[in-house]
Each structure stands twice: as C-alpha cells, then as structure tokens.
Amino acid sequence: MDDEQLIRQFMLSAREEVSDSGFSTRVMRHIPNTRPIWVFPATMLFVVAAVAALFIWFDGWSVLCSIFVHVYTIFTYAKHFSFNPIYPLVFLALGCWYLTEKIKKLVY
C-alpha cells in the first residue's frame, strides 16, 4: 500500500457521523429567501439586451464577416503548404493584431 491508500483507509475508518437531531434541517427551513424570484431573469434580460445593443452599436456583423474573411484567407493560403507548427502561432498573432486594431479604432 502506498501513502495515499493508507491515509484514505485511516480517514474512512476514523469517520464518524455527528448527530444533530435535525438541527440543520430546522435551520435551513427558517432561513428566509432574501432574493426575489424575478432577479435572475431580469438580470439575464438586461445582459442579453446590453450585448445585443453593443453588437449593433459596434457593427458586429461586419466585424464577424471581416474576421471570417481573414481566417478563410489564412486557411486557404496555408492549405497549399505542408503543416508547420508555426501556422497556429501566426494565426493567433494576426488575430490579436487585428482585434487590437479594431479596438483602437473604436476607442480613439
């Protein structure tokens, strides 16, 4: 037996249940529900609306289409060559550069 098995065996043999005579059940029954049931759906509705507004405001379709065109161009160009482990790194670098340029244009 290794150390892990010995520790597990000892912990299982030394385990004992502490009887609370239903105390924890009674406590849980008396804890008030502090959050109304409508909070989560309202929050999700707000988040979805905010994301949709930002998507429309920043012209998300054109950004997604241009990213797709860049990715498609990279992959169609790369398929004519044998696979090199540097391709994913170049793809990530170009993606990061493209996103930072888009963010710069939006911010400044």
Protein backbone atom coordinates (compact mmCIF):
# COMPACT_ATOMS: atom_id res chain seq x y z
CA MET A 1 0.00 0.00 0.00
CA ASP A 2 1.18 3.48 -0.76
CA ASP A 3 0.74 6.54 1.44
CA GLU A 4 -2.40 7.75 -0.29
CA GLN A 5 -4.19 4.46 0.24
CA LEU A 6 -3.11 4.32 3.90
CA ILE A 7 -4.37 7.85 4.51
CA ARG A 8 -7.66 7.10 2.74
CA GLN A 9 -8.13 3.88 4.74
CA PHE A 10 -7.37 5.66 8.03
CA MET A 11 -9.75 8.52 7.26
CA LEU A 12 -12.55 6.12 6.32
CA SER A 13 -12.08 4.04 9.46
CA ALA A 14 -11.93 7.12 11.73
CA ARG A 15 -15.02 8.68 10.16
CA GLU A 16 -17.93 9.17 12.49
CA GLU A 17 -21.26 10.84 11.96
CA VAL A 18 -22.21 13.67 14.28
CA SER A 19 -25.89 13.56 15.08
CA ASP A 20 -27.56 16.94 15.07
CA SER A 21 -31.08 15.64 15.74
CA GLY A 22 -32.49 17.51 12.74
CA PHE A 23 -30.97 20.87 13.76
CA SER A 24 -29.54 21.69 10.32
CA THR A 25 -32.87 20.86 8.65
CA ARG A 26 -34.76 23.16 11.02
CA VAL A 27 -32.24 25.96 10.47
CA MET A 28 -32.44 25.65 6.69
CA ARG A 29 -36.24 25.73 6.86
CA HIS A 30 -36.20 29.06 8.73
CA ILE A 31 -33.67 30.89 6.52
CA PRO A 32 -35.60 33.49 4.55
CA ASN A 33 -35.33 33.70 0.79
CA THR A 34 -33.64 37.10 0.51
CA ARG A 35 -33.61 37.28 -3.28
CA PRO A 36 -36.90 37.60 -5.16
CA ILE A 37 -37.52 35.06 -7.91
CA TRP A 38 -37.55 37.70 -10.68
CA VAL A 39 -33.97 38.95 -10.09
CA PHE A 40 -32.17 36.30 -12.16
CA PRO A 41 -34.44 36.51 -15.26
CA ALA A 42 -34.36 40.31 -15.13
CA THR A 43 -30.57 40.32 -14.87
CA MET A 44 -30.25 37.90 -17.79
CA LEU A 45 -32.62 40.02 -19.87
CA PHE A 46 -30.55 43.12 -19.13
CA VAL A 47 -27.28 41.36 -20.04
CA VAL A 48 -28.68 40.00 -23.31
CA ALA A 49 -30.09 43.41 -24.22
CA ALA A 50 -26.77 45.10 -23.41
CA VAL A 51 -24.79 42.60 -25.51
CA ALA A 52 -27.23 42.99 -28.40
CA ALA A 53 -27.01 46.78 -28.19
CA LEU A 54 -23.21 46.70 -28.17
CA PHE A 55 -23.22 44.25 -31.08
CA ILE A 56 -25.42 46.59 -33.10
CA TRP A 57 -23.61 49.74 -31.97
CA PHE A 58 -20.15 48.45 -32.94
CA ASP A 59 -21.43 46.92 -36.19
CA GLY A 60 -20.81 43.35 -35.11
CA TRP A 61 -21.82 41.71 -38.37
CA SER A 62 -19.15 43.50 -40.38
CA VAL A 63 -16.55 42.69 -37.72
CA LEU A 64 -17.53 38.99 -37.75
CA CYS A 65 -17.55 38.93 -41.55
CA SER A 66 -14.13 40.53 -41.82
CA ILE A 67 -12.73 38.13 -39.21
CA PHE A 68 -14.21 35.24 -41.18
CA VAL A 69 -12.64 36.54 -44.41
CA HIS A 70 -9.24 36.85 -42.73
CA VAL A 71 -9.46 33.36 -41.24
CA TYR A 72 -10.64 31.87 -44.53
CA THR A 73 -7.83 33.59 -46.40
CA ILE A 74 -5.23 32.33 -43.95
CA PHE A 75 -6.51 28.76 -44.10
CA THR A 76 -6.85 28.65 -47.88
CA TYR A 77 -3.35 30.05 -48.24
CA ALA A 78 -1.95 27.66 -45.64
CA LYS A 79 -3.50 24.51 -47.13
CA HIS A 80 -1.22 24.75 -50.18
CA PHE A 81 1.77 24.13 -47.95
CA SER A 82 2.65 21.32 -45.59
CA PHE A 83 1.62 21.88 -41.99
CA ASN A 84 4.10 23.76 -39.89
CA PRO A 85 3.66 24.28 -36.14
CA ILE A 86 4.30 27.99 -36.67
CA TYR A 87 0.97 28.43 -38.55
CA PRO A 88 -1.25 28.45 -35.44
CA LEU A 89 1.10 30.95 -33.80
CA VAL A 90 0.98 33.19 -36.86
CA PHE A 91 -2.80 32.84 -36.92
CA LEU A 92 -3.05 33.83 -33.25
CA ALA A 93 -0.67 36.74 -33.73
CA LEU A 94 -2.64 38.03 -36.72
CA GLY A 95 -5.91 37.60 -34.83
CA CYS A 96 -4.57 39.53 -31.83
CA TRP A 97 -3.21 42.27 -34.07
CA TYR A 98 -6.50 42.54 -35.97
CA LEU A 99 -8.56 42.72 -32.77
CA THR A 100 -6.28 45.34 -31.21
CA GLU A 101 -6.53 47.45 -34.36
CA LYS A 102 -10.32 47.20 -34.27
CA ILE A 103 -10.37 48.16 -30.59
CA LYS A 104 -8.04 51.10 -31.24
CA LYS A 105 -10.37 52.38 -33.94
CA LEU A 106 -13.36 52.05 -31.65
CA VAL A 107 -11.69 53.69 -28.64
CA TYR A 108 -9.72 56.51 -30.24
